[in-house]
């Protein structure tokens, strides 16, 4: 964990066990990213990004040298990423092992299935919509 925080240029005092660290500005298009150290080898990051996980965290951007593929390969990490975009209706699930994507699952909402011509949620679709947008 220490190597990851160092690679992300986070001050050592900021990542003592059970502390919360803001990773804002360390990835492309990320508005907020709070890292929680849950266990010695488990970190949870919650936040908001302007784009998909694929675009913000996996692709190369000259403005932000960090991406999860490089970090995973460099530090020999397994990284699991789950995202939920309720506005555009999709969720993403990635598993990255040593710089390789081993799971890439994205589910997109079919607007016509859930919404009528006026943009209102169709009757009886609440549970199905909630289930589709859940990340576990």
N, C-alpha and C. Protein backbone atom coordinates (compact mmCIF):
# COMPACT_ATOMS: atom_id res chain seq x y z
N UNK A 1 0.83 -1.18 0.00
CA UNK A 1 0.00 0.00 0.00
C UNK A 1 0.88 1.25 0.00
N UNK A 2 1.94 1.20 0.77
CA UNK A 2 2.82 2.36 0.86
C UNK A 2 3.39 2.73 -0.50
N UNK A 3 3.79 1.73 -1.30
CA UNK A 3 4.33 2.01 -2.62
C UNK A 3 3.29 2.67 -3.51
N UNK A 4 2.05 2.24 -3.41
CA UNK A 4 0.99 2.84 -4.22
C UNK A 4 0.81 4.30 -3.85
N UNK A 5 0.71 4.58 -2.56
CA UNK A 5 0.55 5.98 -2.14
C UNK A 5 1.76 6.82 -2.56
N UNK A 6 2.95 6.27 -2.46
CA UNK A 6 4.14 7.01 -2.90
C UNK A 6 4.07 7.30 -4.39
N UNK A 7 3.66 6.31 -5.17
CA UNK A 7 3.55 6.49 -6.63
C UNK A 7 2.52 7.54 -6.98
N UNK A 8 1.51 7.70 -6.12
CA UNK A 8 0.47 8.70 -6.33
C UNK A 8 0.83 10.05 -5.69
N UNK A 9 2.06 10.16 -5.19
CA UNK A 9 2.55 11.40 -4.57
C UNK A 9 1.70 11.85 -3.38
N UNK A 10 1.35 10.90 -2.53
CA UNK A 10 0.59 11.20 -1.33
C UNK A 10 1.56 11.21 -0.15
N UNK A 11 1.49 12.24 0.67
CA UNK A 11 2.35 12.37 1.83
C UNK A 11 2.14 11.21 2.79
N UNK A 12 3.26 10.67 3.32
CA UNK A 12 3.19 9.50 4.20
C UNK A 12 2.24 9.71 5.38
N UNK A 13 2.27 10.86 5.99
CA UNK A 13 1.41 11.13 7.15
C UNK A 13 -0.06 11.04 6.79
N UNK A 14 -0.38 11.27 5.52
CA UNK A 14 -1.78 11.28 5.09
C UNK A 14 -2.37 9.89 4.95
N UNK A 15 -1.54 8.87 4.87
CA UNK A 15 -2.11 7.54 4.64
C UNK A 15 -1.89 6.56 5.79
N UNK A 16 -1.85 7.07 6.98
CA UNK A 16 -1.82 6.16 8.12
C UNK A 16 -3.10 5.34 8.14
N UNK A 17 -3.03 4.19 8.74
CA UNK A 17 -4.18 3.27 8.75
C UNK A 17 -5.47 3.98 9.15
N UNK A 18 -6.53 3.66 8.41
CA UNK A 18 -7.88 4.18 8.62
C UNK A 18 -8.03 5.67 8.31
N UNK A 19 -7.04 6.27 7.72
CA UNK A 19 -7.20 7.67 7.34
C UNK A 19 -7.84 7.74 5.96
N UNK A 20 -8.32 8.91 5.62
CA UNK A 20 -8.93 9.16 4.31
C UNK A 20 -8.02 10.09 3.55
N UNK A 21 -7.70 9.74 2.32
CA UNK A 21 -6.79 10.53 1.50
C UNK A 21 -7.52 10.97 0.24
N UNK A 22 -7.41 12.26 -0.10
CA UNK A 22 -8.02 12.76 -1.32
C UNK A 22 -7.04 12.61 -2.47
N UNK A 23 -7.42 11.86 -3.49
CA UNK A 23 -6.58 11.64 -4.66
C UNK A 23 -6.95 12.55 -5.81
N UNK A 24 -7.66 13.64 -5.53
CA UNK A 24 -8.07 14.60 -6.56
C UNK A 24 -6.85 15.06 -7.35
N UNK A 25 -7.01 15.12 -8.66
CA UNK A 25 -5.96 15.62 -9.52
C UNK A 25 -4.91 14.60 -9.90
N UNK A 26 -5.01 13.40 -9.41
CA UNK A 26 -4.00 12.38 -9.72
C UNK A 26 -4.40 11.49 -10.89
N UNK A 27 -5.64 11.61 -11.34
CA UNK A 27 -6.12 10.90 -12.51
C UNK A 27 -6.89 11.88 -13.38
N UNK A 28 -7.00 11.59 -14.66
CA UNK A 28 -7.62 12.50 -15.62
C UNK A 28 -9.13 12.62 -15.39
N UNK A 29 -9.62 13.85 -15.31
CA UNK A 29 -11.05 14.09 -15.22
C UNK A 29 -11.70 13.67 -13.92
N UNK A 30 -10.92 13.49 -12.87
CA UNK A 30 -11.48 13.05 -11.59
C UNK A 30 -11.76 14.28 -10.72
N UNK A 31 -13.03 14.45 -10.36
CA UNK A 31 -13.44 15.60 -9.55
C UNK A 31 -13.20 15.36 -8.06
N UNK A 32 -13.39 14.13 -7.65
CA UNK A 32 -13.17 13.78 -6.25
C UNK A 32 -12.84 12.31 -6.19
N UNK A 33 -11.84 11.97 -5.40
CA UNK A 33 -11.47 10.56 -5.21
C UNK A 33 -10.92 10.43 -3.81
N UNK A 34 -11.70 9.85 -2.93
CA UNK A 34 -11.28 9.65 -1.55
C UNK A 34 -10.87 8.20 -1.36
N UNK A 35 -9.63 8.01 -0.91
CA UNK A 35 -9.10 6.66 -0.71
C UNK A 35 -9.19 6.31 0.76
N UNK A 36 -9.75 5.16 1.03
CA UNK A 36 -9.89 4.64 2.39
C UNK A 36 -9.03 3.39 2.49
N UNK A 37 -8.08 3.36 3.40
CA UNK A 37 -7.30 2.16 3.64
C UNK A 37 -8.09 1.28 4.58
N UNK A 38 -8.59 0.16 4.05
CA UNK A 38 -9.45 -0.72 4.84
C UNK A 38 -8.64 -1.78 5.58
N UNK A 39 -7.67 -2.34 4.90
CA UNK A 39 -6.76 -3.33 5.48
C UNK A 39 -5.39 -3.07 4.88
N UNK A 40 -4.41 -3.79 5.33
CA UNK A 40 -3.05 -3.55 4.87
C UNK A 40 -2.94 -3.63 3.35
N UNK A 41 -3.71 -4.50 2.72
CA UNK A 41 -3.61 -4.67 1.28
C UNK A 41 -4.89 -4.31 0.54
N UNK A 42 -5.82 -3.63 1.19
CA UNK A 42 -7.08 -3.28 0.55
C UNK A 42 -7.35 -1.78 0.69
N UNK A 43 -7.56 -1.15 -0.44
CA UNK A 43 -7.91 0.27 -0.47
C UNK A 43 -9.24 0.40 -1.21
N UNK A 44 -10.09 1.25 -0.71
CA UNK A 44 -11.35 1.55 -1.39
C UNK A 44 -11.30 3.01 -1.79
N UNK A 45 -11.62 3.30 -3.04
CA UNK A 45 -11.65 4.67 -3.52
C UNK A 45 -13.07 4.98 -3.97
N UNK A 46 -13.61 6.06 -3.47
CA UNK A 46 -14.94 6.50 -3.87
C UNK A 46 -14.81 7.92 -4.40
N UNK A 47 -15.57 8.23 -5.43
CA UNK A 47 -15.49 9.59 -5.94
C UNK A 47 -16.31 9.79 -7.19
N UNK A 48 -15.97 10.86 -7.88
CA UNK A 48 -16.69 11.28 -9.07
C UNK A 48 -15.70 11.65 -10.16
N UNK A 49 -15.96 11.15 -11.37
CA UNK A 49 -15.11 11.55 -12.48
C UNK A 49 -15.99 12.03 -13.62
N UNK A 50 -15.40 12.83 -14.49
CA UNK A 50 -16.14 13.45 -15.58
C UNK A 50 -16.49 12.46 -16.68
N UNK A 51 -15.75 11.38 -16.76
CA UNK A 51 -15.91 10.43 -17.84
C UNK A 51 -16.03 9.02 -17.26
N UNK A 52 -16.02 8.06 -18.12
CA UNK A 52 -16.07 6.67 -17.69
C UNK A 52 -14.76 6.28 -17.00
N UNK A 53 -14.79 5.18 -16.28
CA UNK A 53 -13.57 4.64 -15.68
C UNK A 53 -12.56 4.35 -16.77
N UNK A 54 -13.03 3.75 -17.86
CA UNK A 54 -12.12 3.43 -18.97
C UNK A 54 -11.36 4.68 -19.43
N UNK A 55 -12.08 5.77 -19.64
CA UNK A 55 -11.44 6.99 -20.15
C UNK A 55 -10.58 7.68 -19.09
N UNK A 56 -11.08 7.77 -17.87
CA UNK A 56 -10.37 8.51 -16.83
C UNK A 56 -9.21 7.75 -16.20
N UNK A 57 -9.35 6.44 -16.06
CA UNK A 57 -8.37 5.67 -15.29
C UNK A 57 -7.53 4.68 -16.10
N UNK A 58 -7.96 4.34 -17.31
CA UNK A 58 -7.25 3.30 -18.06
C UNK A 58 -6.53 3.82 -19.29
N UNK A 59 -6.98 4.92 -19.85
CA UNK A 59 -6.35 5.44 -21.05
C UNK A 59 -5.24 6.43 -20.70
N UNK A 60 -4.33 6.65 -21.65
CA UNK A 60 -3.23 7.61 -21.46
C UNK A 60 -3.71 9.03 -21.71
N UNK A 61 -3.27 9.94 -20.85
CA UNK A 61 -3.57 11.36 -20.99
C UNK A 61 -2.32 12.15 -20.62
N UNK A 62 -1.83 13.00 -21.51
CA UNK A 62 -0.62 13.77 -21.20
C UNK A 62 -0.75 14.63 -19.95
N UNK A 63 -1.97 15.07 -19.64
CA UNK A 63 -2.20 15.92 -18.47
C UNK A 63 -2.09 15.15 -17.17
N UNK A 64 -2.20 13.83 -17.22
CA UNK A 64 -2.19 13.01 -16.01
C UNK A 64 -1.41 11.73 -16.29
N UNK A 65 -0.22 11.62 -15.74
CA UNK A 65 0.61 10.46 -16.05
C UNK A 65 0.15 9.16 -15.40
N UNK A 66 -0.81 9.23 -14.49
CA UNK A 66 -1.25 8.03 -13.78
C UNK A 66 -2.34 7.31 -14.56
N UNK A 67 -2.24 6.01 -14.60
CA UNK A 67 -3.38 5.21 -15.01
C UNK A 67 -3.28 3.87 -14.32
N UNK A 68 -4.41 3.22 -14.14
CA UNK A 68 -4.44 2.00 -13.33
C UNK A 68 -3.69 0.84 -13.96
N UNK A 69 -3.61 0.81 -15.28
CA UNK A 69 -2.86 -0.26 -15.93
C UNK A 69 -1.38 -0.18 -15.57
N UNK A 70 -0.81 1.02 -15.62
CA UNK A 70 0.59 1.21 -15.27
C UNK A 70 0.85 0.90 -13.80
N UNK A 71 -0.03 1.42 -12.94
CA UNK A 71 0.15 1.18 -11.51
C UNK A 71 0.06 -0.31 -11.18
N UNK A 72 -0.88 -0.99 -11.79
CA UNK A 72 -1.04 -2.42 -11.54
C UNK A 72 0.19 -3.19 -11.99
N UNK A 73 0.72 -2.85 -13.16
CA UNK A 73 1.89 -3.55 -13.68
C UNK A 73 3.14 -3.22 -12.86
N UNK A 74 3.35 -1.95 -12.60
CA UNK A 74 4.54 -1.51 -11.88
C UNK A 74 4.62 -2.07 -10.47
N UNK A 75 3.46 -2.11 -9.80
CA UNK A 75 3.44 -2.54 -8.40
C UNK A 75 2.93 -3.97 -8.22
N UNK A 76 2.70 -4.67 -9.33
CA UNK A 76 2.20 -6.05 -9.31
C UNK A 76 0.92 -6.15 -8.47
N UNK A 77 -0.06 -5.33 -8.81
CA UNK A 77 -1.32 -5.26 -8.08
C UNK A 77 -2.45 -5.92 -8.84
N UNK A 78 -3.42 -6.40 -8.09
CA UNK A 78 -4.72 -6.74 -8.65
C UNK A 78 -5.65 -5.61 -8.23
N UNK A 79 -6.28 -4.99 -9.22
CA UNK A 79 -7.15 -3.85 -8.97
C UNK A 79 -8.54 -4.18 -9.50
N UNK A 80 -9.54 -4.00 -8.65
CA UNK A 80 -10.93 -4.16 -9.04
C UNK A 80 -11.57 -2.78 -9.04
N UNK A 81 -12.24 -2.45 -10.14
CA UNK A 81 -12.90 -1.15 -10.26
C UNK A 81 -14.36 -1.39 -10.62
N UNK A 82 -15.24 -0.74 -9.87
CA UNK A 82 -16.66 -0.78 -10.18
C UNK A 82 -17.17 0.65 -10.21
N UNK A 83 -17.94 0.97 -11.23
CA UNK A 83 -18.48 2.32 -11.33
C UNK A 83 -19.96 2.27 -11.64
N UNK A 84 -20.62 3.35 -11.33
CA UNK A 84 -22.05 3.48 -11.57
C UNK A 84 -22.31 4.88 -12.09
N UNK A 85 -22.92 4.99 -13.26
CA UNK A 85 -23.28 6.27 -13.87
C UNK A 85 -24.78 6.25 -14.05
N UNK A 86 -25.49 6.83 -13.08
CA UNK A 86 -26.96 6.78 -13.14
C UNK A 86 -27.54 7.74 -14.16
N UNK A 87 -26.88 8.85 -14.41
CA UNK A 87 -27.41 9.84 -15.35
C UNK A 87 -27.50 9.30 -16.77
N UNK A 88 -26.43 8.65 -17.24
CA UNK A 88 -26.43 8.08 -18.59
C UNK A 88 -26.78 6.60 -18.57
N UNK A 89 -26.89 6.02 -17.40
CA UNK A 89 -27.36 4.66 -17.27
C UNK A 89 -26.38 3.59 -17.70
N UNK A 90 -25.24 3.51 -17.04
CA UNK A 90 -24.34 2.40 -17.28
C UNK A 90 -23.51 2.13 -16.04
N UNK A 91 -23.01 0.91 -15.96
CA UNK A 91 -22.04 0.60 -14.92
C UNK A 91 -20.88 -0.15 -15.54
N UNK A 92 -19.73 -0.05 -14.90
CA UNK A 92 -18.52 -0.69 -15.39
C UNK A 92 -17.93 -1.56 -14.28
N UNK A 93 -17.30 -2.65 -14.69
CA UNK A 93 -16.61 -3.52 -13.75
C UNK A 93 -15.34 -4.01 -14.44
N UNK A 94 -14.21 -3.67 -13.86
CA UNK A 94 -12.91 -4.09 -14.38
C UNK A 94 -12.15 -4.83 -13.30
N UNK A 95 -11.38 -5.82 -13.72
CA UNK A 95 -10.37 -6.43 -12.87
C UNK A 95 -9.08 -6.37 -13.67
N UNK A 96 -8.05 -5.80 -13.03
CA UNK A 96 -6.75 -5.63 -13.67
C UNK A 96 -5.73 -6.38 -12.83
N UNK A 97 -4.98 -7.26 -13.47
CA UNK A 97 -3.94 -8.02 -12.77
C UNK A 97 -2.61 -7.78 -13.46
N UNK A 98 -1.67 -7.23 -12.70
CA UNK A 98 -0.32 -6.97 -13.22
C UNK A 98 -0.33 -6.27 -14.57
N UNK A 99 -1.18 -5.26 -14.70
CA UNK A 99 -1.23 -4.44 -15.90
C UNK A 99 -2.10 -4.96 -17.03
N UNK A 100 -2.74 -6.09 -16.84
CA UNK A 100 -3.61 -6.67 -17.87
C UNK A 100 -5.06 -6.65 -17.40
N UNK A 101 -5.96 -6.25 -18.29
CA UNK A 101 -7.39 -6.29 -17.97
C UNK A 101 -7.87 -7.73 -18.14
N UNK A 102 -8.31 -8.34 -17.04
CA UNK A 102 -8.79 -9.72 -17.10
C UNK A 102 -10.32 -9.80 -17.05
N UNK A 103 -10.97 -8.71 -16.67
CA UNK A 103 -12.42 -8.61 -16.73
C UNK A 103 -12.78 -7.20 -17.16
N UNK A 104 -13.61 -7.11 -18.18
CA UNK A 104 -14.07 -5.83 -18.69
C UNK A 104 -15.55 -5.99 -18.98
N UNK A 105 -16.38 -5.53 -18.05
CA UNK A 105 -17.82 -5.69 -18.18
C UNK A 105 -18.48 -4.34 -18.04
N UNK A 106 -19.24 -3.96 -19.06
CA UNK A 106 -19.98 -2.70 -19.02
C UNK A 106 -21.42 -3.00 -19.41
N UNK A 107 -22.34 -2.54 -18.59
CA UNK A 107 -23.76 -2.74 -18.86
C UNK A 107 -24.37 -1.37 -19.12
N UNK A 108 -25.04 -1.26 -20.29
CA UNK A 108 -25.69 0.00 -20.66
C UNK A 108 -27.20 -0.13 -20.51
N UNK A 109 -27.79 0.94 -20.08
CA UNK A 109 -29.23 1.00 -19.92
C UNK A 109 -29.89 1.15 -21.28
N UNK A 110 -30.90 0.35 -21.55
CA UNK A 110 -31.72 0.49 -22.76
C UNK A 110 -32.86 1.44 -22.42
N UNK A 111 -32.72 2.68 -22.85
CA UNK A 111 -33.71 3.71 -22.52
C UNK A 111 -35.13 3.31 -22.86
N UNK A 112 -35.34 2.71 -24.01
CA UNK A 112 -36.69 2.37 -24.44
C UNK A 112 -37.32 1.31 -23.55
N UNK A 113 -36.51 0.44 -22.97
CA UNK A 113 -37.05 -0.59 -22.08
C UNK A 113 -37.58 0.02 -20.79
N UNK A 114 -36.94 1.07 -20.30
CA UNK A 114 -37.28 1.62 -19.00
C UNK A 114 -38.10 2.92 -19.04
N UNK A 115 -37.97 3.68 -20.13
CA UNK A 115 -38.62 4.99 -20.17
C UNK A 115 -39.55 5.09 -21.38
N UNK A 116 -40.68 5.80 -21.17
CA UNK A 116 -41.61 6.01 -22.27
C UNK A 116 -41.17 7.21 -23.11
N UNK A 117 -41.99 7.57 -24.10
CA UNK A 117 -41.66 8.66 -25.02
C UNK A 117 -41.53 10.02 -24.32
N UNK A 118 -42.16 10.16 -23.16
CA UNK A 118 -42.11 11.42 -22.41
C UNK A 118 -40.96 11.44 -21.40
N UNK A 119 -40.18 10.36 -21.36
CA UNK A 119 -39.05 10.29 -20.45
C UNK A 119 -39.41 9.84 -19.04
N UNK A 120 -40.62 9.34 -18.88
CA UNK A 120 -41.05 8.86 -17.56
C UNK A 120 -40.77 7.36 -17.45
N UNK A 121 -40.40 6.94 -16.25
CA UNK A 121 -40.12 5.53 -15.99
C UNK A 121 -41.38 4.71 -16.21
N UNK A 122 -41.27 3.66 -16.97
CA UNK A 122 -42.42 2.79 -17.26
C UNK A 122 -42.88 2.08 -15.99
N UNK A 123 -44.18 1.85 -15.88
CA UNK A 123 -44.74 1.15 -14.73
C UNK A 123 -44.10 -0.23 -14.57
N UNK A 124 -43.80 -0.58 -13.33
CA UNK A 124 -43.25 -1.89 -13.03
C UNK A 124 -41.77 -2.07 -13.35
N UNK A 125 -41.09 -1.00 -13.74
CA UNK A 125 -39.68 -1.11 -14.13
C UNK A 125 -38.72 -0.64 -13.04
N UNK A 126 -39.25 -0.19 -11.91
CA UNK A 126 -38.38 0.35 -10.86
C UNK A 126 -37.38 -0.68 -10.36
N UNK A 127 -37.85 -1.89 -10.03
CA UNK A 127 -36.96 -2.92 -9.48
C UNK A 127 -35.92 -3.36 -10.50
N UNK A 128 -36.34 -3.52 -11.76
CA UNK A 128 -35.41 -3.94 -12.81
C UNK A 128 -34.33 -2.87 -13.04
N UNK A 129 -34.74 -1.61 -13.01
CA UNK A 129 -33.77 -0.52 -13.17
C UNK A 129 -32.80 -0.48 -12.00
N UNK A 130 -33.33 -0.59 -10.80
CA UNK A 130 -32.44 -0.61 -9.63
C UNK A 130 -31.45 -1.77 -9.69
N UNK A 131 -31.92 -2.95 -10.09
CA UNK A 131 -31.05 -4.12 -10.18
C UNK A 131 -29.96 -3.93 -11.22
N UNK A 132 -30.31 -3.31 -12.34
CA UNK A 132 -29.34 -3.10 -13.41
C UNK A 132 -28.25 -2.12 -12.99
N UNK A 133 -28.60 -1.15 -12.17
CA UNK A 133 -27.65 -0.11 -11.80
C UNK A 133 -26.89 -0.39 -10.52
N UNK A 134 -27.13 -1.53 -9.91
CA UNK A 134 -26.43 -1.86 -8.65
C UNK A 134 -25.03 -2.37 -8.96
N UNK A 135 -24.08 -1.90 -8.16
CA UNK A 135 -22.75 -2.50 -8.20
C UNK A 135 -22.51 -3.11 -6.83
N UNK A 136 -22.07 -4.36 -6.82
CA UNK A 136 -21.88 -5.02 -5.53
C UNK A 136 -20.41 -5.10 -5.17
